[in-house]
Amino acid sequence: MLMRFLVPALAVAMVLSAAAQRQRDVLVYGCTSGAVTAAIQAKGMGKSVVMVCPETHLGGLSREFYHRAWQRYDNVAAWTWQKREEFGNEGQGTPAAHPT
């Protein structure tokens, strides 16, 4: 339990120590997709950004999830209810980004 608070505190202390040498406009603490979005938004507004991420994955799990879904359904054997060729090449009325 102590490590849960000690590691982030140490990470922030290290960033603040480094920040004493190099000034930044925004400090984003976290690794979620919301934290990444906040950092991108701040950068888009011309601000300098430092991210502190105590986790092992940056940006949440959405990229990993969609990549695994693509890997699964890229395999013809995964199509048990409908043939892949019958699925179509559009989503919500618009063509898919990657034609099959």
PDB file of N, CA and C in Angstrom:
ATOM      1  N   MET A   1       0.821  -1.184   0.000  1.00  0.00           N
ATOM      2  CA  MET A   1       0.000   0.000   0.000  1.00  0.00           C
ATOM      3  C   MET A   1       0.867   1.251   0.000  1.00  0.00           C
ATOM      4  N   LEU A   2       1.943   1.217   0.750  1.00  0.00           N
ATOM      5  CA  LEU A   2       2.846   2.353   0.810  1.00  0.00           C
ATOM      6  C   LEU A   2       3.468   2.620  -0.558  1.00  0.00           C
ATOM      7  N   MET A   3       3.790   1.552  -1.284  1.00  0.00           N
ATOM      8  CA  MET A   3       4.403   1.695  -2.608  1.00  0.00           C
ATOM      9  C   MET A   3       3.467   2.397  -3.580  1.00  0.00           C
ATOM     10  N   ARG A   4       2.167   2.218  -3.381  1.00  0.00           N
ATOM     11  CA  ARG A   4       1.181   2.834  -4.270  1.00  0.00           C
ATOM     12  C   ARG A   4       1.273   4.360  -4.218  1.00  0.00           C
ATOM     13  N   PHE A   5       1.638   4.905  -3.075  1.00  0.00           N
ATOM     14  CA  PHE A   5       1.762   6.346  -2.920  1.00  0.00           C
ATOM     15  C   PHE A   5       3.207   6.813  -3.074  1.00  0.00           C
ATOM     16  N   LEU A   6       4.144   5.959  -2.713  1.00  0.00           N
ATOM     17  CA  LEU A   6       5.547   6.335  -2.753  1.00  0.00           C
ATOM     18  C   LEU A   6       6.055   6.485  -4.177  1.00  0.00           C
ATOM     19  N   VAL A   7       5.693   5.558  -5.061  1.00  0.00           N
ATOM     20  CA  VAL A   7       6.180   5.598  -6.438  1.00  0.00           C
ATOM     21  C   VAL A   7       5.712   6.864  -7.161  1.00  0.00           C
ATOM     22  N   PRO A   8       4.401   7.211  -7.118  1.00  0.00           N
ATOM     23  CA  PRO A   8       3.990   8.468  -7.774  1.00  0.00           C
ATOM     24  C   PRO A   8       4.649   9.697  -7.161  1.00  0.00           C
ATOM     25  N   ALA A   9       4.797   9.714  -5.838  1.00  0.00           N
ATOM     26  CA  ALA A   9       5.430  10.860  -5.182  1.00  0.00           C
ATOM     27  C   ALA A   9       6.879  10.998  -5.623  1.00  0.00           C
ATOM     28  N   LEU A  10       7.563   9.884  -5.740  1.00  0.00           N
ATOM     29  CA  LEU A  10       8.949   9.892  -6.203  1.00  0.00           C
ATOM     30  C   LEU A  10       9.025  10.358  -7.652  1.00  0.00           C
ATOM     31  N   ALA A  11       8.105   9.894  -8.481  1.00  0.00           N
ATOM     32  CA  ALA A  11       8.087  10.306  -9.887  1.00  0.00           C
ATOM     33  C   ALA A  11       7.868  11.810 -10.014  1.00  0.00           C
ATOM     34  N   VAL A  12       6.934  12.345  -9.244  1.00  0.00           N
ATOM     35  CA  VAL A  12       6.674  13.792  -9.277  1.00  0.00           C
ATOM     36  C   VAL A  12       7.894  14.555  -8.778  1.00  0.00           C
ATOM     37  N   ALA A  13       8.532  14.062  -7.729  1.00  0.00           N
ATOM     38  CA  ALA A  13       9.727  14.721  -7.201  1.00  0.00           C
ATOM     39  C   ALA A  13      10.837  14.754  -8.243  1.00  0.00           C
ATOM     40  N   MET A  14      11.003  13.662  -8.980  1.00  0.00           N
ATOM     41  CA  MET A  14      12.023  13.611 -10.030  1.00  0.00           C
ATOM     42  C   MET A  14      11.715  14.600 -11.134  1.00  0.00           C
ATOM     43  N   VAL A  15      10.439  14.680 -11.526  1.00  0.00           N
ATOM     44  CA  VAL A  15      10.051  15.617 -12.582  1.00  0.00           C
ATOM     45  C   VAL A  15      10.260  17.050 -12.118  1.00  0.00           C
ATOM     46  N   LEU A  16       9.872  17.337 -10.872  1.00  0.00           N
ATOM     47  CA  LEU A  16      10.047  18.688 -10.353  1.00  0.00           C
ATOM     48  C   LEU A  16      11.515  19.051 -10.245  1.00  0.00           C
ATOM     49  N   SER A  17      12.347  18.078  -9.912  1.00  0.00           N
ATOM     50  CA  SER A  17      13.783  18.314  -9.851  1.00  0.00           C
ATOM     51  C   SER A  17      14.323  18.639 -11.239  1.00  0.00           C
ATOM     52  N   ALA A  18      13.881  17.880 -12.227  1.00  0.00           N
ATOM     53  CA  ALA A  18      14.299  18.148 -13.609  1.00  0.00           C
ATOM     54  C   ALA A  18      13.720  19.467 -14.092  1.00  0.00           C
ATOM     55  N   ALA A  19      12.510  19.797 -13.627  1.00  0.00           N
ATOM     56  CA  ALA A  19      11.859  21.036 -14.042  1.00  0.00           C
ATOM     57  C   ALA A  19      12.609  22.255 -13.517  1.00  0.00           C
ATOM     58  N   ALA A  20      13.364  22.083 -12.432  1.00  0.00           N
ATOM     59  CA  ALA A  20      14.154  23.199 -11.917  1.00  0.00           C
ATOM     60  C   ALA A  20      15.197  23.611 -12.946  1.00  0.00           C
ATOM     61  N   GLN A  21      15.625  22.671 -13.757  1.00  0.00           N
ATOM     62  CA  GLN A  21      16.614  22.956 -14.787  1.00  0.00           C
ATOM     63  C   GLN A  21      15.952  23.393 -16.093  1.00  0.00           C
ATOM     64  N   ARG A  22      14.785  22.811 -16.406  1.00  0.00           N
ATOM     65  CA  ARG A  22      14.065  23.142 -17.638  1.00  0.00           C
ATOM     66  C   ARG A  22      12.613  23.445 -17.292  1.00  0.00           C
ATOM     67  N   GLN A  23      12.161  24.617 -17.603  1.00  0.00           N
ATOM     68  CA  GLN A  23      10.809  25.042 -17.281  1.00  0.00           C
ATOM     69  C   GLN A  23       9.804  24.466 -18.285  1.00  0.00           C
ATOM     70  N   ARG A  24       8.645  24.008 -17.791  1.00  0.00           N
ATOM     71  CA  ARG A  24       7.546  23.517 -18.625  1.00  0.00           C
ATOM     72  C   ARG A  24       6.275  24.239 -18.219  1.00  0.00           C
ATOM     73  N   ASP A  25       5.326  24.334 -19.148  1.00  0.00           N
ATOM     74  CA  ASP A  25       4.064  25.005 -18.868  1.00  0.00           C
ATOM     75  C   ASP A  25       3.059  24.105 -18.168  1.00  0.00           C
ATOM     76  N   VAL A  26       3.023  22.828 -18.554  1.00  0.00           N
ATOM     77  CA  VAL A  26       1.981  21.919 -18.058  1.00  0.00           C
ATOM     78  C   VAL A  26       2.613  20.610 -17.591  1.00  0.00           C
ATOM     79  N   LEU A  27       2.156  20.133 -16.433  1.00  0.00           N
ATOM     80  CA  LEU A  27       2.524  18.807 -15.929  1.00  0.00           C
ATOM     81  C   LEU A  27       1.261  17.965 -15.918  1.00  0.00           C
ATOM     82  N   VAL A  28       1.274  16.874 -16.664  1.00  0.00           N
ATOM     83  CA  VAL A  28       0.136  15.953 -16.697  1.00  0.00           C
ATOM     84  C   VAL A  28       0.546  14.703 -15.930  1.00  0.00           C
ATOM     85  N   TYR A  29      -0.206  14.385 -14.882  1.00  0.00           N
ATOM     86  CA  TYR A  29       0.071  13.185 -14.099  1.00  0.00           C
ATOM     87  C   TYR A  29      -0.972  12.136 -14.450  1.00  0.00           C
ATOM     88  N   GLY A  30      -0.538  11.045 -15.039  1.00  0.00           N
ATOM     89  CA  GLY A  30      -1.443   9.960 -15.377  1.00  0.00           C
ATOM     90  C   GLY A  30      -1.122   9.388 -16.742  1.00  0.00           C
ATOM     91  N   CYS A  31      -1.694   8.221 -17.015  1.00  0.00           N
ATOM     92  CA  CYS A  31      -1.411   7.504 -18.255  1.00  0.00           C
ATOM     93  C   CYS A  31      -2.667   7.168 -19.040  1.00  0.00           C
ATOM     94  N   THR A  32      -3.800   7.631 -18.571  1.00  0.00           N
ATOM     95  CA  THR A  32      -5.051   7.283 -19.236  1.00  0.00           C
ATOM     96  C   THR A  32      -5.158   7.990 -20.573  1.00  0.00           C
ATOM     97  N   SER A  33      -6.130   7.591 -21.366  1.00  0.00           N
ATOM     98  CA  SER A  33      -6.341   8.267 -22.642  1.00  0.00           C
ATOM     99  C   SER A  33      -6.695   9.734 -22.409  1.00  0.00           C
ATOM    100  N   GLY A  34      -7.380  10.033 -21.307  1.00  0.00           N
ATOM    101  CA  GLY A  34      -7.696  11.417 -20.973  1.00  0.00           C
ATOM    102  C   GLY A  34      -6.443  12.232 -20.687  1.00  0.00           C
ATOM    103  N   ALA A  35      -5.472  11.630 -20.012  1.00  0.00           N
ATOM    104  CA  ALA A  35      -4.210  12.324 -19.729  1.00  0.00           C
ATOM    105  C   ALA A  35      -3.446  12.594 -21.014  1.00  0.00           C
ATOM    106  N   VAL A  36      -3.401  11.606 -21.894  1.00  0.00           N
ATOM    107  CA  VAL A  36      -2.724  11.793 -23.181  1.00  0.00           C
ATOM    108  C   VAL A  36      -3.426  12.880 -23.987  1.00  0.00           C
ATOM    109  N   THR A  37      -4.765  12.857 -23.981  1.00  0.00           N
ATOM    110  CA  THR A  37      -5.536  13.877 -24.691  1.00  0.00           C
ATOM    111  C   THR A  37      -5.237  15.264 -24.126  1.00  0.00           C
ATOM    112  N   ALA A  38      -5.150  15.376 -22.806  1.00  0.00           N
ATOM    113  CA  ALA A  38      -4.840  16.668 -22.179  1.00  0.00           C
ATOM    114  C   ALA A  38      -3.456  17.160 -22.603  1.00  0.00           C
ATOM    115  N   ALA A  39      -2.495  16.264 -22.639  1.00  0.00           N
ATOM    116  CA  ALA A  39      -1.139  16.641 -23.048  1.00  0.00           C
ATOM    117  C   ALA A  39      -1.111  17.080 -24.517  1.00  0.00           C
ATOM    118  N   ILE A  40      -1.821  16.358 -25.364  1.00  0.00           N
ATOM    119  CA  ILE A  40      -1.875  16.715 -26.788  1.00  0.00           C
ATOM    120  C   ILE A  40      -2.565  18.063 -26.971  1.00  0.00           C
ATOM    121  N   GLN A  41      -3.650  18.284 -26.244  1.00  0.00           N
ATOM    122  CA  GLN A  41      -4.362  19.560 -26.328  1.00  0.00           C
ATOM    123  C   GLN A  41      -3.465  20.715 -25.889  1.00  0.00           C
ATOM    124  N   ALA A  42      -2.774  20.530 -24.766  1.00  0.00           N
ATOM    125  CA  ALA A  42      -1.881  21.587 -24.280  1.00  0.00           C
ATOM    126  C   ALA A  42      -0.780  21.868 -25.291  1.00  0.00           C
ATOM    127  N   LYS A  43      -0.215  20.828 -25.867  1.00  0.00           N
ATOM    128  CA  LYS A  43       0.838  20.994 -26.875  1.00  0.00           C
ATOM    129  C   LYS A  43       0.288  21.709 -28.096  1.00  0.00           C
ATOM    130  N   GLY A  44      -0.944  21.357 -28.487  1.00  0.00           N
ATOM    131  CA  GLY A  44      -1.589  22.019 -29.614  1.00  0.00           C
ATOM    132  C   GLY A  44      -1.851  23.495 -29.356  1.00  0.00           C
ATOM    133  N   MET A  45      -1.923  23.872 -28.086  1.00  0.00           N
ATOM    134  CA  MET A  45      -2.129  25.269 -27.710  1.00  0.00           C
ATOM    135  C   MET A  45      -0.797  26.001 -27.540  1.00  0.00           C
ATOM    136  N   GLY A  46       0.277  25.326 -27.929  1.00  0.00           N
ATOM    137  CA  GLY A  46       1.589  25.962 -27.882  1.00  0.00           C
ATOM    138  C   GLY A  46       2.295  25.866 -26.545  1.00  0.00           C
ATOM    139  N   LYS A  47       1.824  25.033 -25.647  1.00  0.00           N
ATOM    140  CA  LYS A  47       2.428  24.879 -24.321  1.00  0.00           C
ATOM    141  C   LYS A  47       3.434  23.737 -24.341  1.00  0.00           C
ATOM    142  N   SER A  48       4.429  23.823 -23.470  1.00  0.00           N
ATOM    143  CA  SER A  48       5.358  22.707 -23.303  1.00  0.00           C
ATOM    144  C   SER A  48       4.785  21.787 -22.229  1.00  0.00           C
ATOM    145  N   VAL A  49       4.951  20.477 -22.404  1.00  0.00           N
ATOM    146  CA  VAL A  49       4.267  19.496 -21.561  1.00  0.00           C
ATOM    147  C   VAL A  49       5.243  18.444 -21.054  1.00  0.00           C
ATOM    148  N   VAL A  50       5.062  18.070 -19.788  1.00  0.00           N
ATOM    149  CA  VAL A  50       5.753  16.923 -19.199  1.00  0.00           C
ATOM    150  C   VAL A  50       4.678  15.985 -18.694  1.00  0.00           C
ATOM    151  N   MET A  51       4.802  14.691 -19.027  1.00  0.00           N
ATOM    152  CA  MET A  51       3.861  13.681 -18.525  1.00  0.00           C
ATOM    153  C   MET A  51       4.572  12.803 -17.505  1.00  0.00           C
ATOM    154  N   VAL A  52       3.896  12.532 -16.409  1.00  0.00           N
ATOM    155  CA  VAL A  52       4.388  11.604 -15.398  1.00  0.00           C
ATOM    156  C   VAL A  52       3.442  10.423 -15.405  1.00  0.00           C
ATOM    157  N   CYS A  53       3.991   9.250 -15.698  1.00  0.00           N
ATOM    158  CA  CYS A  53       3.167   8.059 -15.853  1.00  0.00           C
ATOM    159  C   CYS A  53       3.685   6.944 -14.952  1.00  0.00           C
ATOM    160  N   PRO A  54       2.985   6.650 -13.850  1.00  0.00           N
ATOM    161  CA  PRO A  54       3.447   5.599 -12.952  1.00  0.00           C
ATOM    162  C   PRO A  54       3.065   4.192 -13.420  1.00  0.00           C
ATOM    163  N   GLU A  55       2.332   4.090 -14.503  1.00  0.00           N
ATOM    164  CA  GLU A  55       1.873   2.791 -15.009  1.00  0.00           C
ATOM    165  C   GLU A  55       2.827   2.269 -16.076  1.00  0.00           C
ATOM    166  N   THR A  56       2.566   1.054 -16.548  1.00  0.00           N
ATOM    167  CA  THR A  56       3.415   0.468 -17.589  1.00  0.00           C
ATOM    168  C   THR A  56       2.877   0.718 -18.990  1.00  0.00           C
ATOM    169  N   HIS A  57       1.636   1.195 -19.112  1.00  0.00           N
ATOM    170  CA  HIS A  57       1.042   1.457 -20.424  1.00  0.00           C
ATOM    171  C   HIS A  57       0.656   2.928 -20.522  1.00  0.00           C
ATOM    172  N   LEU A  58       1.003   3.553 -21.604  1.00  0.00           N
ATOM    173  CA  LEU A  58       0.650   4.945 -21.834  1.00  0.00           C
ATOM    174  C   LEU A  58      -0.570   5.019 -22.731  1.00  0.00           C
ATOM    175  N   GLY A  59      -1.542   5.818 -22.349  1.00  0.00           N
ATOM    176  CA  GLY A  59      -2.687   6.061 -23.211  1.00  0.00           C
ATOM    177  C   GLY A  59      -3.854   5.130 -23.014  1.00  0.00           C
ATOM    178  N   GLY A  60      -3.899   4.391 -21.942  1.00  0.00           N
ATOM    179  CA  GLY A  60      -5.018   3.485 -21.724  1.00  0.00           C
ATOM    180  C   GLY A  60      -4.876   2.232 -22.564  1.00  0.00           C
ATOM    181  N   LEU A  61      -5.964   1.512 -22.703  1.00  0.00           N
ATOM    182  CA  LEU A  61      -5.906   0.218 -23.386  1.00  0.00           C
ATOM    183  C   LEU A  61      -6.610   0.215 -24.739  1.00  0.00           C
ATOM    184  N   SER A  62      -7.106   1.356 -25.200  1.00  0.00           N
ATOM    185  CA  SER A  62      -7.912   1.332 -26.419  1.00  0.00           C
ATOM    186  C   SER A  62      -7.117   0.863 -27.629  1.00  0.00           C
ATOM    187  N   ARG A  63      -5.887   1.333 -27.810  1.00  0.00           N
ATOM    188  CA  ARG A  63      -5.089   0.906 -28.970  1.00  0.00           C
ATOM    189  C   ARG A  63      -4.865  -0.595 -28.936  1.00  0.00           C
ATOM    190  N   GLU A  64      -4.515  -1.116 -27.777  1.00  0.00           N
ATOM    191  CA  GLU A  64      -4.291  -2.556 -27.639  1.00  0.00           C
ATOM    192  C   GLU A  64      -5.578  -3.332 -27.911  1.00  0.00           C
ATOM    193  N   PHE A  65      -6.709  -2.839 -27.385  1.00  0.00           N
ATOM    194  CA  PHE A  65      -7.992  -3.501 -27.593  1.00  0.00           C
ATOM    195  C   PHE A  65      -8.336  -3.581 -29.082  1.00  0.00           C
ATOM    196  N   TYR A  66      -8.259  -2.454 -29.777  1.00  0.00           N
ATOM    197  CA  TYR A  66      -8.628  -2.445 -31.194  1.00  0.00           C
ATOM    198  C   TYR A  66      -7.658  -3.249 -32.042  1.00  0.00           C
ATOM    199  N   HIS A  67      -6.395  -3.264 -31.660  1.00  0.00           N
ATOM    200  CA  HIS A  67      -5.429  -4.079 -32.398  1.00  0.00           C
ATOM    201  C   HIS A  67      -5.742  -5.567 -32.230  1.00  0.00           C
ATOM    202  N   ARG A  68      -6.089  -5.961 -31.004  1.00  0.00           N
ATOM    203  CA  ARG A  68      -6.440  -7.372 -30.772  1.00  0.00           C
ATOM    204  C   ARG A  68      -7.735  -7.752 -31.487  1.00  0.00           C
ATOM    205  N   ALA A  69      -8.710  -6.835 -31.516  1.00  0.00           N
ATOM    206  CA  ALA A  69      -9.957  -7.101 -32.246  1.00  0.00           C
ATOM    207  C   ALA A  69      -9.662  -7.275 -33.725  1.00  0.00           C
ATOM    208  N   TRP A  70      -8.808  -6.398 -34.264  1.00  0.00           N
ATOM    209  CA  TRP A  70      -8.431  -6.524 -35.683  1.00  0.00           C
ATOM    210  C   TRP A  70      -7.735  -7.861 -35.931  1.00  0.00           C
ATOM    211  N   GLN A  71      -6.796  -8.253 -35.063  1.00  0.00           N
ATOM    212  CA  GLN A  71      -6.100  -9.527 -35.234  1.00  0.00           C
ATOM    213  C   GLN A  71      -7.089 -10.692 -35.223  1.00  0.00           C
ATOM    214  N   ARG A  72      -8.054 -10.633 -34.317  1.00  0.00           N
ATOM    215  CA  ARG A  72      -9.043 -11.719 -34.208  1.00  0.00           C
ATOM    216  C   ARG A  72      -9.867 -11.839 -35.483  1.00  0.00           C
ATOM    217  N   TYR A  73     -10.423 -10.737 -35.947  1.00  0.00           N
ATOM    218  CA  TYR A  73     -11.334 -10.790 -37.087  1.00  0.00           C
ATOM    219  C   TYR A  73     -10.625 -10.734 -38.429  1.00  0.00           C
ATOM    220  N   ASP A  74      -9.320 -10.599 -38.416  1.00  0.00           N
ATOM    221  CA  ASP A  74      -8.542 -10.739 -39.639  1.00  0.00           C
ATOM    222  C   ASP A  74      -8.411 -12.216 -40.007  1.00  0.00           C
ATOM    223  N   ASN A  75      -8.678 -13.080 -39.035  1.00  0.00           N
ATOM    224  CA  ASN A  75      -8.635 -14.527 -39.230  1.00  0.00           C
ATOM    225  C   ASN A  75     -10.006 -14.999 -39.715  1.00  0.00           C
ATOM    226  N   VAL A  76     -10.065 -15.653 -40.868  1.00  0.00           N
ATOM    227  CA  VAL A  76     -11.326 -16.123 -41.448  1.00  0.00           C
ATOM    228  C   VAL A  76     -12.064 -17.066 -40.507  1.00  0.00           C
ATOM    229  N   ALA A  77     -11.349 -17.849 -39.715  1.00  0.00           N
ATOM    230  CA  ALA A  77     -11.975 -18.805 -38.804  1.00  0.00           C
ATOM    231  C   ALA A  77     -12.796 -18.119 -37.707  1.00  0.00           C
ATOM    232  N   ALA A  78     -12.550 -16.848 -37.453  1.00  0.00           N
ATOM    233  CA  ALA A  78     -13.290 -16.125 -36.412  1.00  0.00           C
ATOM    234  C   ALA A  78     -14.702 -15.762 -36.851  1.00  0.00           C
ATOM    235  N   TRP A  79     -14.976 -15.814 -38.134  1.00  0.00           N
ATOM    236  CA  TRP A  79     -16.284 -15.410 -38.668  1.00  0.00           C
ATOM    237  C   TRP A  79     -17.222 -16.610 -38.639  1.00  0.00           C
ATOM    238  N   THR A  80     -17.879 -16.837 -37.501  1.00  0.00           N
ATOM    239  CA  THR A  80     -18.757 -17.995 -37.343  1.00  0.00           C
ATOM    240  C   THR A  80     -20.222 -17.677 -37.641  1.00  0.00           C
ATOM    241  N   TRP A  81     -20.652 -16.442 -37.484  1.00  0.00           N
ATOM    242  CA  TRP A  81     -22.053 -16.075 -37.696  1.00  0.00           C
ATOM    243  C   TRP A  81     -22.314 -15.504 -39.082  1.00  0.00           C
ATOM    244  N   GLN A  82     -21.298 -14.981 -39.678  1.00  0.00           N
ATOM    245  CA  GLN A  82     -21.431 -14.337 -40.973  1.00  0.00           C
ATOM    246  C   GLN A  82     -20.104 -14.487 -41.700  1.00  0.00           C
ATOM    247  N   LYS A  83     -20.168 -14.650 -43.004  1.00  0.00           N
ATOM    248  CA  LYS A  83     -18.932 -14.713 -43.778  1.00  0.00           C
ATOM    249  C   LYS A  83     -18.330 -13.318 -43.868  1.00  0.00           C
ATOM    250  N   ARG A  84     -17.030 -13.278 -43.823  1.00  0.00           N
ATOM    251  CA  ARG A  84     -16.341 -11.991 -43.859  1.00  0.00           C
ATOM    252  C   ARG A  84     -16.668 -11.204 -45.124  1.00  0.00           C
ATOM    253  N   GLU A  85     -16.804 -11.892 -46.237  1.00  0.00           N
ATOM    254  CA  GLU A  85     -17.098 -11.231 -47.505  1.00  0.00           C
ATOM    255  C   GLU A  85     -18.476 -10.570 -47.500  1.00  0.00           C
ATOM    256  N   GLU A  86     -19.395 -11.082 -46.689  1.00  0.00           N
ATOM    257  CA  GLU A  86     -20.752 -10.548 -46.627  1.00  0.00           C
ATOM    258  C   GLU A  86     -20.866  -9.351 -45.682  1.00  0.00           C
ATOM    259  N   PHE A  87     -19.840  -9.094 -44.909  1.00  0.00           N
ATOM    260  CA  PHE A  87     -19.911  -8.058 -43.883  1.00  0.00           C
ATOM    261  C   PHE A  87     -20.000  -6.655 -44.480  1.00  0.00           C
ATOM    262  N   GLY A  88     -19.380  -6.447 -45.598  1.00  0.00           N
ATOM    263  CA  GLY A  88     -19.407  -5.119 -46.211  1.00  0.00           C
ATOM    264  C   GLY A  88     -18.166  -4.333 -45.872  1.00  0.00           C
ATOM    265  N   ASN A  89     -18.069  -3.201 -46.492  1.00  0.00           N
ATOM    266  CA  ASN A  89     -16.879  -2.395 -46.316  1.00  0.00           C
ATOM    267  C   ASN A  89     -17.272  -0.972 -45.923  1.00  0.00           C
ATOM    268  N   GLU A  90     -18.194  -0.850 -44.987  1.00  0.00           N
ATOM    269  CA  GLU A  90     -18.576   0.476 -44.537  1.00  0.00           C
ATOM    270  C   GLU A  90     -18.995   0.433 -43.077  1.00  0.00           C
ATOM    271  N   GLY A  91     -18.917   1.563 -42.458  1.00  0.00           N
ATOM    272  CA  GLY A  91     -19.336   1.704 -41.073  1.00  0.00           C
ATOM    273  C   GLY A  91     -20.178   2.958 -40.942  1.00  0.00           C
ATOM    274  N   GLN A  92     -21.373   2.817 -40.481  1.00  0.00           N
ATOM    275  CA  GLN A  92     -22.304   3.931 -40.315  1.00  0.00           C
ATOM    276  C   GLN A  92     -22.511   4.712 -41.618  1.00  0.00           C
ATOM    277  N   GLY A  93     -22.559   3.973 -42.724  1.00  0.00           N
ATOM    278  CA  GLY A  93     -22.877   4.592 -44.009  1.00  0.00           C
ATOM    279  C   GLY A  93     -21.693   5.152 -44.779  1.00  0.00           C
ATOM    280  N   THR A  94     -20.484   5.059 -44.220  1.00  0.00           N
ATOM    281  CA  THR A  94     -19.315   5.571 -44.934  1.00  0.00           C
ATOM    282  C   THR A  94     -18.337   4.449 -45.194  1.00  0.00           C
ATOM    283  N   PRO A  95     -17.555   4.541 -46.281  1.00  0.00           N
ATOM    284  CA  PRO A  95     -16.578   3.475 -46.580  1.00  0.00           C
ATOM    285  C   PRO A  95     -15.568   3.308 -45.445  1.00  0.00           C
ATOM    286  N   ALA A  96     -15.113   2.072 -45.266  1.00  0.00           N
ATOM    287  CA  ALA A  96     -14.106   1.779 -44.252  1.00  0.00           C
ATOM    288  C   ALA A  96     -12.771   2.393 -44.668  1.00  0.00           C
ATOM    289  N   ALA A  97     -11.917   2.630 -43.679  1.00  0.00           N
ATOM    290  CA  ALA A  97     -10.612   3.241 -43.950  1.00  0.00           C
ATOM    291  C   ALA A  97      -9.685   2.292 -44.688  1.00  0.00           C
ATOM    292  N   HIS A  98      -9.810   1.013 -44.406  1.00  0.00           N
ATOM    293  CA  HIS A  98      -8.941   0.020 -45.022  1.00  0.00           C
ATOM    294  C   HIS A  98      -9.790  -0.991 -45.783  1.00  0.00           C
ATOM    295  N   PRO A  99      -9.898  -0.862 -47.088  1.00  0.00           N
ATOM    296  CA  PRO A  99     -10.721  -1.796 -47.858  1.00  0.00           C
ATOM    297  C   PRO A  99     -10.235  -3.231 -47.710  1.00  0.00           C
ATOM    298  N   THR A 100     -11.181  -4.165 -47.730  1.00  0.00           N
ATOM    299  CA  THR A 100     -10.820  -5.580 -47.618  1.00  0.00           C
ATOM    300  C   THR A 100     -10.686  -6.193 -48.985  1.00  0.00           C
TER     301      THR A 100
END
